[in-house]
């Protein structure tokens, strides 16, 4: 399935832009996470990486559709 993925913070730098398209070889958030880590190995260096689907944090078991809005939320720091 073809997914449009929005990237924020450091994940934007790792993916090379605000938005990327990815042909997912699976159908779950866990499949997406695995494929992202394979395609963009530097994502593994992040302390945490949340995946939001349709504006809500998603568990790896969630099944995706091509219409879902996908966003990568890296760790946030500040003072």
C-alpha atoms as a PDB file:
ATOM      1  CA  UNK A   1       0.000   0.000   0.000  1.00  0.00           C
ATOM      2  CA  UNK A   2       1.226   3.497  -0.794  1.00  0.00           C
ATOM      3  CA  UNK A   3       1.415   5.784   2.252  1.00  0.00           C
ATOM      4  CA  UNK A   4       2.114   9.488   2.556  1.00  0.00           C
ATOM      5  CA  UNK A   5       4.145  10.119   5.707  1.00  0.00           C
ATOM      6  CA  UNK A   6       4.618  13.509   7.349  1.00  0.00           C
ATOM      7  CA  UNK A   7       7.854  13.954   9.277  1.00  0.00           C
ATOM      8  CA  UNK A   8       8.521  16.389  12.116  1.00  0.00           C
ATOM      9  CA  UNK A   9      11.649  17.494  13.967  1.00  0.00           C
ATOM     10  CA  UNK A  10      14.759  15.383  13.484  1.00  0.00           C
ATOM     11  CA  UNK A  11      12.784  12.731  11.596  1.00  0.00           C
ATOM     12  CA  UNK A  12      12.299  15.325   8.836  1.00  0.00           C
ATOM     13  CA  UNK A  13      16.082  15.635   8.489  1.00  0.00           C
ATOM     14  CA  UNK A  14      16.537  11.861   8.444  1.00  0.00           C
ATOM     15  CA  UNK A  15      13.846  11.319   5.797  1.00  0.00           C
ATOM     16  CA  UNK A  16      15.074  14.278   3.758  1.00  0.00           C
ATOM     17  CA  UNK A  17      11.872  16.298   3.743  1.00  0.00           C
ATOM     18  CA  UNK A  18       8.556  17.158   5.349  1.00  0.00           C
ATOM     19  CA  UNK A  19       6.723  14.444   3.507  1.00  0.00           C
ATOM     20  CA  UNK A  20       7.676  11.161   1.864  1.00  0.00           C
ATOM     21  CA  UNK A  21       5.777   8.454   0.055  1.00  0.00           C
ATOM     22  CA  UNK A  22       6.470   4.854   0.988  1.00  0.00           C
ATOM     23  CA  UNK A  23       5.202   1.633  -0.555  1.00  0.00           C
ATOM     24  CA  UNK A  24       4.456  -0.444   2.548  1.00  0.00           C
ATOM     25  CA  UNK A  25       5.019  -4.193   2.351  1.00  0.00           C
ATOM     26  CA  UNK A  26       2.464  -5.000   5.034  1.00  0.00           C
ATOM     27  CA  UNK A  27      -0.561  -3.422   6.641  1.00  0.00           C
ATOM     28  CA  UNK A  28       0.161  -2.516  10.267  1.00  0.00           C
ATOM     29  CA  UNK A  29       1.923   0.260  12.148  1.00  0.00           C
ATOM     30  CA  UNK A  30       4.482  -2.339  13.259  1.00  0.00           C
ATOM     31  CA  UNK A  31       5.143  -3.241   9.614  1.00  0.00           C
ATOM     32  CA  UNK A  32       5.551   0.461   8.857  1.00  0.00           C
ATOM     33  CA  UNK A  33       7.968   0.959  11.772  1.00  0.00           C
ATOM     34  CA  UNK A  34      10.070  -2.017  10.619  1.00  0.00           C
ATOM     35  CA  UNK A  35      10.176  -0.787   7.018  1.00  0.00           C
ATOM     36  CA  UNK A  36      11.042   2.773   8.088  1.00  0.00           C
ATOM     37  CA  UNK A  37      13.928   1.490  10.230  1.00  0.00           C
ATOM     38  CA  UNK A  38      15.158  -0.606   7.291  1.00  0.00           C
ATOM     39  CA  UNK A  39      14.831   2.210   4.745  1.00  0.00           C
ATOM     40  CA  UNK A  40      16.092   4.969   7.075  1.00  0.00           C
ATOM     41  CA  UNK A  41      18.481   3.276   9.574  1.00  0.00           C
ATOM     42  CA  UNK A  42      19.256   6.582  11.337  1.00  0.00           C
ATOM     43  CA  UNK A  43      15.704   6.546  12.734  1.00  0.00           C
ATOM     44  CA  UNK A  44      16.856   3.708  15.025  1.00  0.00           C
ATOM     45  CA  UNK A  45      19.215   6.163  16.761  1.00  0.00           C
ATOM     46  CA  UNK A  46      16.297   8.163  18.191  1.00  0.00           C
ATOM     47  CA  UNK A  47      15.443   7.507  21.845  1.00  0.00           C
ATOM     48  CA  UNK A  48      11.826   7.106  20.827  1.00  0.00           C
ATOM     49  CA  UNK A  49       9.743   7.549  17.726  1.00  0.00           C
ATOM     50  CA  UNK A  50       5.988   7.773  17.953  1.00  0.00           C
ATOM     51  CA  UNK A  51       3.824   7.104  14.942  1.00  0.00           C
ATOM     52  CA  UNK A  52       0.535   8.971  14.819  1.00  0.00           C
ATOM     53  CA  UNK A  53      -2.332   7.820  12.631  1.00  0.00           C
ATOM     54  CA  UNK A  54      -5.133  10.289  11.977  1.00  0.00           C
ATOM     55  CA  UNK A  55      -3.832  12.621  14.729  1.00  0.00           C
ATOM     56  CA  UNK A  56      -3.606   9.923  17.444  1.00  0.00           C
ATOM     57  CA  UNK A  57      -0.636   7.920  18.677  1.00  0.00           C
ATOM     58  CA  UNK A  58      -0.940   4.399  17.303  1.00  0.00           C
ATOM     59  CA  UNK A  59      -0.018   0.952  18.620  1.00  0.00           C
ATOM     60  CA  UNK A  60       2.002  -1.351  16.372  1.00  0.00           C
ATOM     61  CA  UNK A  61      -1.023  -3.659  15.961  1.00  0.00           C
ATOM     62  CA  UNK A  62      -3.183  -1.002  14.276  1.00  0.00           C
ATOM     63  CA  UNK A  63      -4.088  -1.891  10.675  1.00  0.00           C
ATOM     64  CA  UNK A  64      -3.489   0.896   8.159  1.00  0.00           C
ATOM     65  CA  UNK A  65      -5.296   2.010   5.013  1.00  0.00           C
ATOM     66  CA  UNK A  66      -4.004   4.219   2.209  1.00  0.00           C
ATOM     67  CA  UNK A  67      -6.350   6.992   3.366  1.00  0.00           C
ATOM     68  CA  UNK A  68      -4.742   7.227   6.823  1.00  0.00           C
ATOM     69  CA  UNK A  69      -2.787  10.340   7.740  1.00  0.00           C
ATOM     70  CA  UNK A  70       0.591   9.153   9.024  1.00  0.00           C
ATOM     71  CA  UNK A  71       2.998  11.315  11.030  1.00  0.00           C
ATOM     72  CA  UNK A  72       6.359  10.591  12.642  1.00  0.00           C
ATOM     73  CA  UNK A  73       6.774  12.256  16.033  1.00  0.00           C
ATOM     74  CA  UNK A  74      10.380  12.194  17.308  1.00  0.00           C
ATOM     75  CA  UNK A  75      11.427  12.955  20.888  1.00  0.00           C
ATOM     76  CA  UNK A  76      10.963  16.592  21.873  1.00  0.00           C
ATOM     77  CA  UNK A  77      13.257  18.453  24.212  1.00  0.00           C
ATOM     78  CA  UNK A  78      13.379  21.955  25.474  1.00  0.00           C
ATOM     79  CA  UNK A  79      13.466  24.095  28.501  1.00  0.00           C
END
